[in-house]
Amino acid sequence: MESEALLKLVCDELENLKAKDIKVLEVGKYTSIADYLVVASGTSGRHVRSVSEKIAEAAKHAGVMPIGIEGREGSEWVLIDLADVIVHVMQPAVREFYKLEDLWSVKPSLIAENPAN
């Protein structure tokens, strides 16, 4: 499945499941780990767990096996690694604390060609 189609599937599922404040970050030009990062909030631990489980099920149904799912136990922050699309479903307080979107908004500057010289 193409990464754009997978991204649409994930975003559609997040909207259908009433996830809040869905943000898509195009990170493929900055890293090789994924093309897109999706960050969304759940309203409670139960909602975060349910949303993450449904996202994983939808991906499997579409033929994309998750590489890994982390954080289901505590359900404060669940990460679903779908290779080209990495999904973070978080409780609002955890999302505010870690500010993932802000991490990707900073573009590093080149300070020197060879700092050892």
PDB file of N, CA and C in Angstrom:
ATOM      1  N   MET A   1       0.849  -1.175   0.000  1.00  0.00           N
ATOM      2  CA  MET A   1       0.000   0.000   0.000  1.00  0.00           C
ATOM      3  C   MET A   1       0.891   1.233   0.000  1.00  0.00           C
ATOM      4  N   GLU A   2       0.577   2.181  -0.857  1.00  0.00           N
ATOM      5  CA  GLU A   2       1.326   3.435  -0.928  1.00  0.00           C
ATOM      6  C   GLU A   2       1.169   4.212   0.380  1.00  0.00           C
ATOM      7  N   SER A   3       2.196   4.969   0.730  1.00  0.00           N
ATOM      8  CA  SER A   3       2.156   5.687   2.006  1.00  0.00           C
ATOM      9  C   SER A   3       1.017   6.709   2.056  1.00  0.00           C
ATOM     10  N   GLU A   4       0.685   7.346   0.927  1.00  0.00           N
ATOM     11  CA  GLU A   4      -0.406   8.322   0.923  1.00  0.00           C
ATOM     12  C   GLU A   4      -1.753   7.640   1.179  1.00  0.00           C
ATOM     13  N   ALA A   5      -1.948   6.456   0.599  1.00  0.00           N
ATOM     14  CA  ALA A   5      -3.195   5.710   0.819  1.00  0.00           C
ATOM     15  C   ALA A   5      -3.294   5.249   2.269  1.00  0.00           C
ATOM     16  N   LEU A   6      -2.164   4.815   2.827  1.00  0.00           N
ATOM     17  CA  LEU A   6      -2.136   4.405   4.229  1.00  0.00           C
ATOM     18  C   LEU A   6      -2.424   5.605   5.138  1.00  0.00           C
ATOM     19  N   LEU A   7      -1.850   6.735   4.809  1.00  0.00           N
ATOM     20  CA  LEU A   7      -2.098   7.953   5.580  1.00  0.00           C
ATOM     21  C   LEU A   7      -3.586   8.309   5.554  1.00  0.00           C
ATOM     22  N   LYS A   8      -4.208   8.228   4.398  1.00  0.00           N
ATOM     23  CA  LYS A   8      -5.641   8.530   4.299  1.00  0.00           C
ATOM     24  C   LYS A   8      -6.454   7.553   5.130  1.00  0.00           C
ATOM     25  N   LEU A   9      -6.108   6.268   5.077  1.00  0.00           N
ATOM     26  CA  LEU A   9      -6.806   5.258   5.875  1.00  0.00           C
ATOM     27  C   LEU A   9      -6.710   5.597   7.364  1.00  0.00           C
ATOM     28  N   VAL A  10      -5.505   5.915   7.830  1.00  0.00           N
ATOM     29  CA  VAL A  10      -5.279   6.241   9.240  1.00  0.00           C
ATOM     30  C   VAL A  10      -6.085   7.483   9.638  1.00  0.00           C
ATOM     31  N   CYS A  11      -6.006   8.527   8.833  1.00  0.00           N
ATOM     32  CA  CYS A  11      -6.715   9.773   9.173  1.00  0.00           C
ATOM     33  C   CYS A  11      -8.226   9.584   9.160  1.00  0.00           C
ATOM     34  N   ASP A  12      -8.726   8.830   8.183  1.00  0.00           N
ATOM     35  CA  ASP A  12     -10.168   8.553   8.148  1.00  0.00           C
ATOM     36  C   ASP A  12     -10.606   7.787   9.388  1.00  0.00           C
ATOM     37  N   GLU A  13      -9.820   6.785   9.785  1.00  0.00           N
ATOM     38  CA  GLU A  13     -10.155   6.014  10.986  1.00  0.00           C
ATOM     39  C   GLU A  13     -10.113   6.893  12.227  1.00  0.00           C
ATOM     40  N   LEU A  14      -9.091   7.731  12.338  1.00  0.00           N
ATOM     41  CA  LEU A  14      -8.992   8.622  13.499  1.00  0.00           C
ATOM     42  C   LEU A  14     -10.207   9.542  13.591  1.00  0.00           C
ATOM     43  N   GLU A  15     -10.636  10.076  12.465  1.00  0.00           N
ATOM     44  CA  GLU A  15     -11.819  10.941  12.471  1.00  0.00           C
ATOM     45  C   GLU A  15     -13.067  10.157  12.844  1.00  0.00           C
ATOM     46  N   ASN A  16     -13.230   8.963  12.272  1.00  0.00           N
ATOM     47  CA  ASN A  16     -14.401   8.129  12.578  1.00  0.00           C
ATOM     48  C   ASN A  16     -14.455   7.739  14.050  1.00  0.00           C
ATOM     49  N   LEU A  17     -13.285   7.584  14.659  1.00  0.00           N
ATOM     50  CA  LEU A  17     -13.207   7.162  16.058  1.00  0.00           C
ATOM     51  C   LEU A  17     -13.198   8.345  17.025  1.00  0.00           C
ATOM     52  N   LYS A  18     -13.428   9.535  16.495  1.00  0.00           N
ATOM     53  CA  LYS A  18     -13.550  10.755  17.306  1.00  0.00           C
ATOM     54  C   LYS A  18     -12.259  11.153  18.019  1.00  0.00           C
ATOM     55  N   ALA A  19     -11.107  10.823  17.400  1.00  0.00           N
ATOM     56  CA  ALA A  19      -9.845  11.319  17.940  1.00  0.00           C
ATOM     57  C   ALA A  19      -9.835  12.841  17.782  1.00  0.00           C
ATOM     58  N   LYS A  20      -9.116  13.509  18.649  1.00  0.00           N
ATOM     59  CA  LYS A  20      -9.089  14.971  18.677  1.00  0.00           C
ATOM     60  C   LYS A  20      -7.768  15.505  18.142  1.00  0.00           C
ATOM     61  N   ASP A  21      -7.810  16.717  17.584  1.00  0.00           N
ATOM     62  CA  ASP A  21      -6.615  17.476  17.206  1.00  0.00           C
ATOM     63  C   ASP A  21      -5.631  16.634  16.386  1.00  0.00           C
ATOM     64  N   ILE A  22      -6.102  16.089  15.278  1.00  0.00           N
ATOM     65  CA  ILE A  22      -5.286  15.227  14.413  1.00  0.00           C
ATOM     66  C   ILE A  22      -4.324  16.098  13.610  1.00  0.00           C
ATOM     67  N   LYS A  23      -3.045  15.788  13.721  1.00  0.00           N
ATOM     68  CA  LYS A  23      -2.004  16.514  12.987  1.00  0.00           C
ATOM     69  C   LYS A  23      -1.187  15.521  12.181  1.00  0.00           C
ATOM     70  N   VAL A  24      -0.877  15.892  10.941  1.00  0.00           N
ATOM     71  CA  VAL A  24      -0.042  15.073  10.067  1.00  0.00           C
ATOM     72  C   VAL A  24       1.228  15.847   9.788  1.00  0.00           C
ATOM     73  N   LEU A  25       2.352  15.205  10.041  1.00  0.00           N
ATOM     74  CA  LEU A  25       3.657  15.814   9.782  1.00  0.00           C
ATOM     75  C   LEU A  25       4.349  15.017   8.678  1.00  0.00           C
ATOM     76  N   GLU A  26       4.756  15.696   7.616  1.00  0.00           N
ATOM     77  CA  GLU A  26       5.487  15.052   6.542  1.00  0.00           C
ATOM     78  C   GLU A  26       6.965  15.085   6.926  1.00  0.00           C
ATOM     79  N   VAL A  27       7.497  13.931   7.326  1.00  0.00           N
ATOM     80  CA  VAL A  27       8.862  13.872   7.852  1.00  0.00           C
ATOM     81  C   VAL A  27       9.831  13.145   6.930  1.00  0.00           C
ATOM     82  N   GLY A  28       9.359  12.644   5.812  1.00  0.00           N
ATOM     83  CA  GLY A  28      10.188  11.856   4.901  1.00  0.00           C
ATOM     84  C   GLY A  28      11.409  12.578   4.377  1.00  0.00           C
ATOM     85  N   LYS A  29      11.348  13.892   4.265  1.00  0.00           N
ATOM     86  CA  LYS A  29      12.514  14.629   3.770  1.00  0.00           C
ATOM     87  C   LYS A  29      13.570  14.860   4.857  1.00  0.00           C
ATOM     88  N   TYR A  30      13.208  14.575   6.112  1.00  0.00           N
ATOM     89  CA  TYR A  30      14.134  14.776   7.228  1.00  0.00           C
ATOM     90  C   TYR A  30      14.667  13.473   7.811  1.00  0.00           C
ATOM     91  N   THR A  31      13.970  12.357   7.558  1.00  0.00           N
ATOM     92  CA  THR A  31      14.367  11.086   8.155  1.00  0.00           C
ATOM     93  C   THR A  31      13.969   9.934   7.244  1.00  0.00           C
ATOM     94  N   SER A  32      14.629   8.816   7.418  1.00  0.00           N
ATOM     95  CA  SER A  32      14.286   7.628   6.629  1.00  0.00           C
ATOM     96  C   SER A  32      13.368   6.680   7.399  1.00  0.00           C
ATOM     97  N   ILE A  33      12.995   7.025   8.618  1.00  0.00           N
ATOM     98  CA  ILE A  33      12.180   6.103   9.423  1.00  0.00           C
ATOM     99  C   ILE A  33      10.733   6.032   8.961  1.00  0.00           C
ATOM    100  N   ALA A  34      10.226   7.108   8.345  1.00  0.00           N
ATOM    101  CA  ALA A  34       8.831   7.118   7.897  1.00  0.00           C
ATOM    102  C   ALA A  34       8.622   8.305   6.967  1.00  0.00           C
ATOM    103  N   ASP A  35       7.526   8.241   6.213  1.00  0.00           N
ATOM    104  CA  ASP A  35       7.144   9.373   5.380  1.00  0.00           C
ATOM    105  C   ASP A  35       6.275  10.358   6.156  1.00  0.00           C
ATOM    106  N   TYR A  36       5.421   9.813   7.035  1.00  0.00           N
ATOM    107  CA  TYR A  36       4.485  10.650   7.768  1.00  0.00           C
ATOM    108  C   TYR A  36       4.434  10.247   9.236  1.00  0.00           C
ATOM    109  N   LEU A  37       4.230  11.252  10.067  1.00  0.00           N
ATOM    110  CA  LEU A  37       3.968  11.067  11.483  1.00  0.00           C
ATOM    111  C   LEU A  37       2.578  11.641  11.731  1.00  0.00           C
ATOM    112  N   VAL A  38       1.718  10.870  12.368  1.00  0.00           N
ATOM    113  CA  VAL A  38       0.372  11.336  12.687  1.00  0.00           C
ATOM    114  C   VAL A  38       0.262  11.384  14.205  1.00  0.00           C
ATOM    115  N   VAL A  39      -0.189  12.517  14.718  1.00  0.00           N
ATOM    116  CA  VAL A  39      -0.358  12.695  16.153  1.00  0.00           C
ATOM    117  C   VAL A  39      -1.824  13.050  16.395  1.00  0.00           C
ATOM    118  N   ALA A  40      -2.438  12.334  17.338  1.00  0.00           N
ATOM    119  CA  ALA A  40      -3.845  12.595  17.672  1.00  0.00           C
ATOM    120  C   ALA A  40      -4.046  12.391  19.165  1.00  0.00           C
ATOM    121  N   SER A  41      -5.088  13.002  19.685  1.00  0.00           N
ATOM    122  CA  SER A  41      -5.407  12.861  21.102  1.00  0.00           C
ATOM    123  C   SER A  41      -6.658  12.027  21.286  1.00  0.00           C
ATOM    124  N   GLY A  42      -6.645  11.256  22.371  1.00  0.00           N
ATOM    125  CA  GLY A  42      -7.830  10.560  22.827  1.00  0.00           C
ATOM    126  C   GLY A  42      -8.364  11.288  24.045  1.00  0.00           C
ATOM    127  N   THR A  43      -9.601  11.025  24.411  1.00  0.00           N
ATOM    128  CA  THR A  43     -10.206  11.747  25.522  1.00  0.00           C
ATOM    129  C   THR A  43      -9.943  11.099  26.876  1.00  0.00           C
ATOM    130  N   SER A  44      -9.483   9.846  26.873  1.00  0.00           N
ATOM    131  CA  SER A  44      -9.212   9.110  28.114  1.00  0.00           C
ATOM    132  C   SER A  44      -8.284   7.946  27.780  1.00  0.00           C
ATOM    133  N   GLY A  45      -7.806   7.269  28.796  1.00  0.00           N
ATOM    134  CA  GLY A  45      -6.978   6.087  28.559  1.00  0.00           C
ATOM    135  C   GLY A  45      -7.710   5.027  27.762  1.00  0.00           C
ATOM    136  N   ARG A  46      -8.961   4.825  28.102  1.00  0.00           N
ATOM    137  CA  ARG A  46      -9.779   3.836  27.381  1.00  0.00           C
ATOM    138  C   ARG A  46      -9.943   4.234  25.913  1.00  0.00           C
ATOM    139  N   HIS A  47     -10.154   5.526  25.661  1.00  0.00           N
ATOM    140  CA  HIS A  47     -10.307   6.002  24.289  1.00  0.00           C
ATOM    141  C   HIS A  47      -9.004   5.851  23.511  1.00  0.00           C
ATOM    142  N   VAL A  48      -7.876   6.198  24.118  1.00  0.00           N
ATOM    143  CA  VAL A  48      -6.568   6.052  23.475  1.00  0.00           C
ATOM    144  C   VAL A  48      -6.341   4.589  23.090  1.00  0.00           C
ATOM    145  N   ARG A  49      -6.617   3.674  24.009  1.00  0.00           N
ATOM    146  CA  ARG A  49      -6.423   2.246  23.740  1.00  0.00           C
ATOM    147  C   ARG A  49      -7.343   1.781  22.612  1.00  0.00           C
ATOM    148  N   SER A  50      -8.599   2.161  22.675  1.00  0.00           N
ATOM    149  CA  SER A  50      -9.569   1.751  21.668  1.00  0.00           C
ATOM    150  C   SER A  50      -9.195   2.280  20.291  1.00  0.00           C
ATOM    151  N   VAL A  51      -8.844   3.550  20.210  1.00  0.00           N
ATOM    152  CA  VAL A  51      -8.459   4.148  18.930  1.00  0.00           C
ATOM    153  C   VAL A  51      -7.239   3.435  18.361  1.00  0.00           C
ATOM    154  N   SER A  52      -6.238   3.205  19.198  1.00  0.00           N
ATOM    155  CA  SER A  52      -5.019   2.558  18.702  1.00  0.00           C
ATOM    156  C   SER A  52      -5.292   1.130  18.231  1.00  0.00           C
ATOM    157  N   GLU A  53      -6.134   0.406  18.940  1.00  0.00           N
ATOM    158  CA  GLU A  53      -6.479  -0.956  18.519  1.00  0.00           C
ATOM    159  C   GLU A  53      -7.215  -0.950  17.188  1.00  0.00           C
ATOM    160  N   LYS A  54      -8.130  -0.019  17.010  1.00  0.00           N
ATOM    161  CA  LYS A  54      -8.895   0.066  15.761  1.00  0.00           C
ATOM    162  C   LYS A  54      -8.007   0.481  14.587  1.00  0.00           C
ATOM    163  N   ILE A  55      -7.043   1.355  14.830  1.00  0.00           N
ATOM    164  CA  ILE A  55      -6.104   1.751  13.774  1.00  0.00           C
ATOM    165  C   ILE A  55      -5.295   0.537  13.333  1.00  0.00           C
ATOM    166  N   ALA A  56      -4.791  -0.227  14.291  1.00  0.00           N
ATOM    167  CA  ALA A  56      -4.015  -1.431  13.966  1.00  0.00           C
ATOM    168  C   ALA A  56      -4.869  -2.439  13.201  1.00  0.00           C
ATOM    169  N   GLU A  57      -6.117  -2.631  13.617  1.00  0.00           N
ATOM    170  CA  GLU A  57      -7.020  -3.557  12.929  1.00  0.00           C
ATOM    171  C   GLU A  57      -7.300  -3.104  11.502  1.00  0.00           C
ATOM    172  N   ALA A  58      -7.550  -1.812  11.314  1.00  0.00           N
ATOM    173  CA  ALA A  58      -7.824  -1.282   9.975  1.00  0.00           C
ATOM    174  C   ALA A  58      -6.619  -1.465   9.057  1.00  0.00           C
ATOM    175  N   ALA A  59      -5.433  -1.233   9.598  1.00  0.00           N
ATOM    176  CA  ALA A  59      -4.217  -1.414   8.802  1.00  0.00           C
ATOM    177  C   ALA A  59      -4.058  -2.883   8.405  1.00  0.00           C
ATOM    178  N   LYS A  60      -4.251  -3.794   9.348  1.00  0.00           N
ATOM    179  CA  LYS A  60      -4.154  -5.224   9.046  1.00  0.00           C
ATOM    180  C   LYS A  60      -5.166  -5.619   7.980  1.00  0.00           C
ATOM    181  N   HIS A  61      -6.382  -5.116   8.103  1.00  0.00           N
ATOM    182  CA  HIS A  61      -7.440  -5.417   7.132  1.00  0.00           C
ATOM    183  C   HIS A  61      -7.048  -4.928   5.737  1.00  0.00           C
ATOM    184  N   ALA A  62      -6.286  -3.838   5.665  1.00  0.00           N
ATOM    185  CA  ALA A  62      -5.824  -3.285   4.397  1.00  0.00           C
ATOM    186  C   ALA A  62      -4.532  -3.945   3.917  1.00  0.00           C
ATOM    187  N   GLY A  63      -4.032  -4.921   4.677  1.00  0.00           N
ATOM    188  CA  GLY A  63      -2.823  -5.644   4.270  1.00  0.00           C
ATOM    189  C   GLY A  63      -1.524  -5.082   4.794  1.00  0.00           C
ATOM    190  N   VAL A  64      -1.593  -4.176   5.747  1.00  0.00           N
ATOM    191  CA  VAL A  64      -0.387  -3.578   6.340  1.00  0.00           C
ATOM    192  C   VAL A  64      -0.270  -4.071   7.770  1.00  0.00           C
ATOM    193  N   MET A  65       0.727  -4.905   8.025  1.00  0.00           N
ATOM    194  CA  MET A  65       0.948  -5.412   9.377  1.00  0.00           C
ATOM    195  C   MET A  65       1.770  -4.399  10.163  1.00  0.00           C
ATOM    196  N   PRO A  66       1.296  -4.001  11.331  1.00  0.00           N
ATOM    197  CA  PRO A  66       2.093  -3.089  12.155  1.00  0.00           C
ATOM    198  C   PRO A  66       3.443  -3.716  12.518  1.00  0.00           C
ATOM    199  N   ILE A  67       4.488  -2.924  12.418  1.00  0.00           N
ATOM    200  CA  ILE A  67       5.823  -3.380  12.818  1.00  0.00           C
ATOM    201  C   ILE A  67       5.873  -3.500  14.329  1.00  0.00           C
ATOM    202  N   GLY A  68       5.192  -2.592  15.003  1.00  0.00           N
ATOM    203  CA  GLY A  68       5.155  -2.625  16.456  1.00  0.00           C
ATOM    204  C   GLY A  68       4.079  -1.713  16.995  1.00  0.00           C
ATOM    205  N   ILE A  69       3.618  -2.054  18.177  1.00  0.00           N
ATOM    206  CA  ILE A  69       2.656  -1.221  18.900  1.00  0.00           C
ATOM    207  C   ILE A  69       3.178  -1.115  20.325  1.00  0.00           C
ATOM    208  N   GLU A  70       3.405   0.094  20.771  1.00  0.00           N
ATOM    209  CA  GLU A  70       3.974   0.329  22.099  1.00  0.00           C
ATOM    210  C   GLU A  70       3.044   1.195  22.931  1.00  0.00           C
ATOM    211  N   GLY A  71       2.969   0.917  24.233  1.00  0.00           N
ATOM    212  CA  GLY A  71       2.267   1.773  25.169  1.00  0.00           C
ATOM    213  C   GLY A  71       0.837   1.388  25.486  1.00  0.00           C
ATOM    214  N   ARG A  72       0.380   0.253  24.988  1.00  0.00           N
ATOM    215  CA  ARG A  72      -1.008  -0.141  25.232  1.00  0.00           C
ATOM    216  C   ARG A  72      -1.304  -0.358  26.708  1.00  0.00           C
ATOM    217  N   GLU A  73      -0.305  -0.764  27.472  1.00  0.00           N
ATOM    218  CA  GLU A  73      -0.527  -1.084  28.882  1.00  0.00           C
ATOM    219  C   GLU A  73      -1.043   0.121  29.659  1.00  0.00           C
ATOM    220  N   GLY A  74      -0.355   1.238  29.539  1.00  0.00           N
ATOM    221  CA  GLY A  74      -0.746   2.430  30.286  1.00  0.00           C
ATOM    222  C   GLY A  74      -1.780   3.277  29.580  1.00  0.00           C
ATOM    223  N   SER A  75      -1.817   3.176  28.267  1.00  0.00           N
ATOM    224  CA  SER A  75      -2.771   3.905  27.423  1.00  0.00           C
ATOM    225  C   SER A  75      -2.711   5.420  27.587  1.00  0.00           C
ATOM    226  N   GLU A  76      -1.561   5.937  27.978  1.00  0.00           N
ATOM    227  CA  GLU A  76      -1.376   7.391  27.984  1.00  0.00           C
ATOM    228  C   GLU A  76      -0.854   7.843  26.624  1.00  0.00           C
ATOM    229  N   TRP A  77      -0.007   6.986  26.030  1.00  0.00           N
ATOM    230  CA  TRP A  77       0.603   7.288  24.736  1.00  0.00           C
ATOM    231  C   TRP A  77       0.821   5.954  24.047  1.00  0.00           C
ATOM    232  N   VAL A  78       0.131   5.743  22.942  1.00  0.00           N
ATOM    233  CA  VAL A  78       0.295   4.512  22.172  1.00  0.00           C
ATOM    234  C   VAL A  78       0.875   4.878  20.817  1.00  0.00           C
ATOM    235  N   LEU A  79       1.938   4.171  20.443  1.00  0.00           N
ATOM    236  CA  LEU A  79       2.600   4.364  19.162  1.00  0.00           C
ATOM    237  C   LEU A  79       2.311   3.153  18.298  1.00  0.00           C
ATOM    238  N   ILE A  80       1.847   3.376  17.069  1.00  0.00           N
ATOM    239  CA  ILE A  80       1.620   2.303  16.113  1.00  0.00           C
ATOM    240  C   ILE A  80       2.553   2.557  14.944  1.00  0.00           C
ATOM    241  N   ASP A  81       3.513   1.662  14.745  1.00  0.00           N
ATOM    242  CA  ASP A  81       4.486   1.791  13.665  1.00  0.00           C
ATOM    243  C   ASP A  81       3.978   1.012  12.462  1.00  0.00           C
ATOM    244  N   LEU A  82       3.569   1.733  11.436  1.00  0.00           N
ATOM    245  CA  LEU A  82       3.083   1.119  10.202  1.00  0.00           C
ATOM    246  C   LEU A  82       4.090   1.318   9.070  1.00  0.00           C
ATOM    247  N   ALA A  83       5.356   1.428   9.416  1.00  0.00           N
ATOM    248  CA  ALA A  83       6.484   1.624   8.495  1.00  0.00           C
ATOM    249  C   ALA A  83       6.449   3.031   7.901  1.00  0.00           C
ATOM    250  N   ASP A  84       5.709   3.263   6.839  1.00  0.00           N
ATOM    251  CA  ASP A  84       5.695   4.577   6.196  1.00  0.00           C
ATOM    252  C   ASP A  84       4.913   5.621   6.979  1.00  0.00           C
ATOM    253  N   VAL A  85       4.031   5.158   7.847  1.00  0.00           N
ATOM    254  CA  VAL A  85       3.220   6.052   8.672  1.00  0.00           C
ATOM    255  C   VAL A  85       3.350   5.611  10.128  1.00  0.00           C
ATOM    256  N   ILE A  86       3.767   6.522  10.975  1.00  0.00           N
ATOM    257  CA  ILE A  86       3.862   6.237  12.403  1.00  0.00           C
ATOM    258  C   ILE A  86       2.778   7.058  13.094  1.00  0.00           C
ATOM    259  N   VAL A  87       1.964   6.378  13.890  1.00  0.00           N
ATOM    260  CA  VAL A  87       0.809   7.017  14.521  1.00  0.00           C
ATOM    261  C   VAL A  87       1.041   7.093  16.026  1.00  0.00           C
ATOM    262  N   HIS A  88       0.830   8.275  16.582  1.00  0.00           N
ATOM    263  CA  HIS A  88       0.904   8.504  18.022  1.00  0.00           C
ATOM    264  C   HIS A  88      -0.484   8.911  18.488  1.00  0.00           C
ATOM    265  N   VAL A  89      -1.063   8.126  19.386  1.00  0.00           N
ATOM    266  CA  VAL A  89      -2.354   8.482  19.987  1.00  0.00           C
ATOM    267  C   VAL A  89      -2.066   8.729  21.464  1.00  0.00           C
ATOM    268  N   MET A  90      -2.375   9.936  21.924  1.00  0.00           N
ATOM    269  CA  MET A  90      -1.948  10.355  23.249  1.00  0.00           C
ATOM    270  C   MET A  90      -3.087  10.993  24.023  1.00  0.00           C
ATOM    271  N   GLN A  91      -3.005  10.886  25.342  1.00  0.00           N
ATOM    272  CA  GLN A  91      -3.901  11.669  26.183  1.00  0.00           C
ATOM    273  C   GLN A  91      -3.424  13.124  26.122  1.00  0.00           C
ATOM    274  N   PRO A  92      -4.331  14.079  26.224  1.00  0.00           N
ATOM    275  CA  PRO A  92      -3.964  15.493  26.052  1.00  0.00           C
ATOM    276  C   PRO A  92      -2.817  15.975  26.951  1.00  0.00           C
ATOM    277  N   ALA A  93      -2.792  15.580  28.206  1.00  0.00           N
ATOM    278  CA  ALA A  93      -1.732  16.053  29.111  1.00  0.00           C
ATOM    279  C   ALA A  93      -0.366  15.527  28.681  1.00  0.00           C
ATOM    280  N   VAL A  94      -0.323  14.290  28.229  1.00  0.00           N
ATOM    281  CA  VAL A  94       0.939  13.694  27.764  1.00  0.00           C
ATOM    282  C   VAL A  94       1.380  14.376  26.477  1.00  0.00           C
ATOM    283  N   ARG A  95       0.437  14.629  25.605  1.00  0.00           N
ATOM    284  CA  ARG A  95       0.761  15.311  24.341  1.00  0.00           C
ATOM    285  C   ARG A  95       1.293  16.706  24.599  1.00  0.00           C
ATOM    286  N   GLU A  96       0.680  17.422  25.520  1.00  0.00           N
ATOM    287  CA  GLU A  96       1.140  18.762  25.854  1.00  0.00           C
ATOM    288  C   GLU A  96       2.540  18.731  26.464  1.00  0.00           C
ATOM    289  N   PHE A  97       2.823  17.722  27.275  1.00  0.00           N
ATOM    290  CA  PHE A  97       4.132  17.617  27.917  1.00  0.00           C
ATOM    291  C   PHE A  97       5.242  17.343  26.902  1.00  0.00           C
ATOM    292  N   TYR A  98       5.032  16.391  25.985  1.00  0.00           N
ATOM    293  CA  TYR A  98       6.086  15.991  25.046  1.00  0.00           C
ATOM    294  C   TYR A  98       6.155  16.848  23.788  1.00  0.00           C
ATOM    295  N   LYS A  99       5.067  17.449  23.370  1.00  0.00           N
ATOM    296  CA  LYS A  99       5.042  18.378  22.234  1.00  0.00           C
ATOM    297  C   LYS A  99       5.775  17.834  20.998  1.00  0.00           C
ATOM    298  N   LEU A 100       5.364  16.662  20.549  1.00  0.00           N
ATOM    299  CA  LEU A 100       6.015  16.045  19.391  1.00  0.00           C
ATOM    300  C   LEU A 100       6.001  16.939  18.157  1.00  0.00           C
ATOM    301  N   GLU A 101       4.912  17.634  17.945  1.00  0.00           N
ATOM    302  CA  GLU A 101       4.833  18.491  16.771  1.00  0.00           C
ATOM    303  C   GLU A 101       5.925  19.557  16.796  1.00  0.00           C
ATOM    304  N   ASP A 102       6.226  20.074  17.976  1.00  0.00           N
ATOM    305  CA  ASP A 102       7.262  21.097  18.096  1.00  0.00           C
ATOM    306  C   ASP A 102       8.645  20.539  17.791  1.00  0.00           C
ATOM    307  N   LEU A 103       8.891  19.279  18.135  1.00  0.00           N
ATOM    308  CA  LEU A 103      10.191  18.676  17.837  1.00  0.00           C
ATOM    309  C   LEU A 103      10.474  18.671  16.338  1.00  0.00           C
ATOM    310  N   TRP A 104       9.439  18.416  15.552  1.00  0.00           N
ATOM    311  CA  TRP A 104       9.609  18.335  14.107  1.00  0.00           C
ATOM    312  C   TRP A 104       9.508  19.699  13.431  1.00  0.00           C
ATOM    313  N   SER A 105       9.169  20.738  14.161  1.00  0.00           N
ATOM    314  CA  SER A 105       9.049  22.061  13.553  1.00  0.00           C
ATOM    315  C   SER A 105      10.390  22.773  13.466  1.00  0.00           C
ATOM    316  N   VAL A 106      11.388  22.285  14.186  1.00  0.00           N
ATOM    317  CA  VAL A 106      12.706  22.910  14.203  1.00  0.00           C
ATOM    318  C   VAL A 106      13.566  22.269  13.124  1.00  0.00           C
ATOM    319  N   LYS A 107      14.124  23.109  12.272  1.00  0.00           N
ATOM    320  CA  LYS A 107      15.018  22.617  11.236  1.00  0.00           C
ATOM    321  C   LYS A 107      16.446  22.900  11.692  1.00  0.00           C
ATOM    322  N   PRO A 108      17.271  21.855  11.798  1.00  0.00           N
ATOM    323  CA  PRO A 108      18.639  22.086  12.262  1.00  0.00           C
ATOM    324  C   PRO A 108      19.430  22.937  11.278  1.00  0.00           C
ATOM    325  N   SER A 109      20.320  23.733  11.821  1.00  0.00           N
ATOM    326  CA  SER A 109      21.194  24.573  10.997  1.00  0.00           C
ATOM    327  C   SER A 109      22.570  23.944  10.934  1.00  0.00           C
ATOM    328  N   LEU A 110      23.210  24.116   9.827  1.00  0.00           N
ATOM    329  CA  LEU A 110      24.575  23.657   9.669  1.00  0.00           C
ATOM    330  C   LEU A 110      25.485  24.645  10.391  1.00  0.00           C
ATOM    331  N   ILE A 111      26.215  24.161  11.422  1.00  0.00           N
ATOM    332  CA  ILE A 111      27.074  25.092  12.174  1.00  0.00           C
ATOM    333  C   ILE A 111      28.497  25.091  11.647  1.00  0.00           C
ATOM    334  N   ALA A 112      28.913  24.000  10.999  1.00  0.00           N
ATOM    335  CA  ALA A 112      30.241  23.928  10.416  1.00  0.00           C
ATOM    336  C   ALA A 112      30.297  22.731   9.503  1.00  0.00           C
ATOM    337  N   GLU A 113      31.119  22.824   8.487  1.00  0.00           N
ATOM    338  CA  GLU A 113      31.299  21.678   7.590  1.00  0.00           C
ATOM    339  C   GLU A 113      31.950  20.522   8.323  1.00  0.00           C
ATOM    340  N   ASN A 114      32.983  20.819   9.112  1.00  0.00           N
ATOM    341  CA  ASN A 114      33.687  19.802   9.867  1.00  0.00           C
ATOM    342  C   ASN A 114      34.020  20.398  11.233  1.00  0.00           C
ATOM    343  N   PRO A 115      33.203  20.123  12.261  1.00  0.00           N
ATOM    344  CA  PRO A 115      33.435  20.751  13.557  1.00  0.00           C
ATOM    345  C   PRO A 115      34.740  20.325  14.220  1.00  0.00           C
ATOM    346  N   ALA A 116      35.396  19.277  13.735  1.00  0.00           N
ATOM    347  CA  ALA A 116      36.657  18.830  14.341  1.00  0.00           C
ATOM    348  C   ALA A 116      37.820  19.736  13.962  1.00  0.00           C
ATOM    349  N   ASN A 117      37.674  20.541  12.921  1.00  0.00           N
ATOM    350  CA  ASN A 117      38.776  21.411  12.484  1.00  0.00           C
ATOM    351  C   ASN A 117      38.795  22.708  13.237  1.00  0.00           C
TER     352      ASN A 117
END
